[in-house]
Amino acid sequence: MRWNRDFTFEPWLLESWDVSDEASTHLHNIRPGVQWSNGDTLDADEVIRARGAARGSQTRDRRLRR
């Protein structure tokens, strides 16, 4: 997702997304064919790894720790 000129989110690397009523769960559907600059496919595992790297080791979610 990215911000557009109207300051609302729009799809970019995602086809769609959904947020639970409590905003505790976010479901992101990655657009098919998205690749890193080296040609590797962007998938859910890569997103989790990248978010973990951005968050650092202090996160409570062990899946997102370095």
Protein backbone atom coordinates (compact mmCIF):
# COMPACT_ATOMS: atom_id res chain seq x y z
CA MET A 1 0.00 0.00 0.00
CA ARG A 2 1.04 3.57 -0.41
CA TRP A 3 -0.43 6.97 0.24
CA ASN A 4 -1.92 8.78 -2.75
CA ARG A 5 -2.37 12.52 -3.25
CA ASP A 6 -5.73 12.37 -1.45
CA PHE A 7 -3.97 10.95 1.63
CA THR A 8 -5.73 7.62 1.34
CA PHE A 9 -4.15 4.20 0.86
CA GLU A 10 -4.07 2.64 -2.57
CA PRO A 11 -2.82 -0.75 -3.77
CA TRP A 12 0.74 -0.89 -5.01
CA LEU A 13 2.43 -4.20 -4.26
CA LEU A 14 -0.89 -5.52 -2.92
CA GLU A 15 -4.02 -6.42 -4.82
CA SER A 16 -6.15 -5.88 -1.75
CA TRP A 17 -6.11 -5.81 2.03
CA ASP A 18 -8.58 -6.33 4.84
CA VAL A 19 -8.48 -5.19 8.46
CA SER A 20 -10.51 -6.89 11.20
CA ASP A 21 -13.11 -4.86 13.12
CA GLU A 22 -10.74 -4.68 16.11
CA ALA A 23 -7.81 -3.76 13.82
CA SER A 24 -5.87 -6.60 15.40
CA THR A 25 -5.58 -8.64 12.20
CA HIS A 26 -4.46 -7.40 8.80
CA LEU A 27 -4.74 -9.60 5.69
CA HIS A 28 -2.62 -8.52 2.72
CA ASN A 29 -3.01 -10.11 -0.72
CA ILE A 30 0.24 -9.63 -2.66
CA ARG A 31 -0.13 -8.86 -6.35
CA PRO A 32 1.06 -11.82 -8.48
CA GLY A 33 4.40 -11.36 -10.20
CA VAL A 34 5.91 -8.83 -7.77
CA GLN A 35 9.66 -9.31 -7.58
CA TRP A 36 12.60 -7.91 -5.66
CA SER A 37 15.20 -6.04 -7.70
CA ASN A 38 17.25 -9.26 -7.87
CA GLY A 39 14.36 -11.15 -9.49
CA ASP A 40 13.27 -13.15 -6.43
CA THR A 41 9.52 -13.40 -5.98
CA LEU A 42 7.93 -11.38 -3.19
CA ASP A 43 5.85 -13.72 -1.03
CA ALA A 44 4.37 -13.79 2.47
CA ASP A 45 7.53 -15.23 4.04
CA GLU A 46 9.60 -12.39 2.60
CA VAL A 47 7.15 -9.80 3.92
CA ILE A 48 7.29 -11.31 7.42
CA ARG A 49 11.11 -11.36 7.28
CA ALA A 50 11.31 -7.75 6.09
CA ARG A 51 8.89 -6.54 8.75
CA GLY A 52 10.87 -8.37 11.38
CA ALA A 53 14.08 -6.76 10.24
CA ALA A 54 12.42 -3.35 10.39
CA ARG A 55 11.03 -3.99 13.87
CA GLY A 56 14.18 -5.48 15.36
CA SER A 57 14.44 -8.16 17.99
CA GLN A 58 12.25 -6.40 20.58
CA THR A 59 8.96 -7.50 19.03
CA ARG A 60 6.76 -9.86 21.04
CA ASP A 61 5.96 -11.96 17.95
CA ARG A 62 8.75 -14.56 17.71
CA ARG A 63 8.09 -14.93 13.95
CA LEU A 64 9.20 -11.34 13.45
CA ARG A 65 12.39 -11.50 15.52
CA ARG A 66 15.75 -11.47 13.80
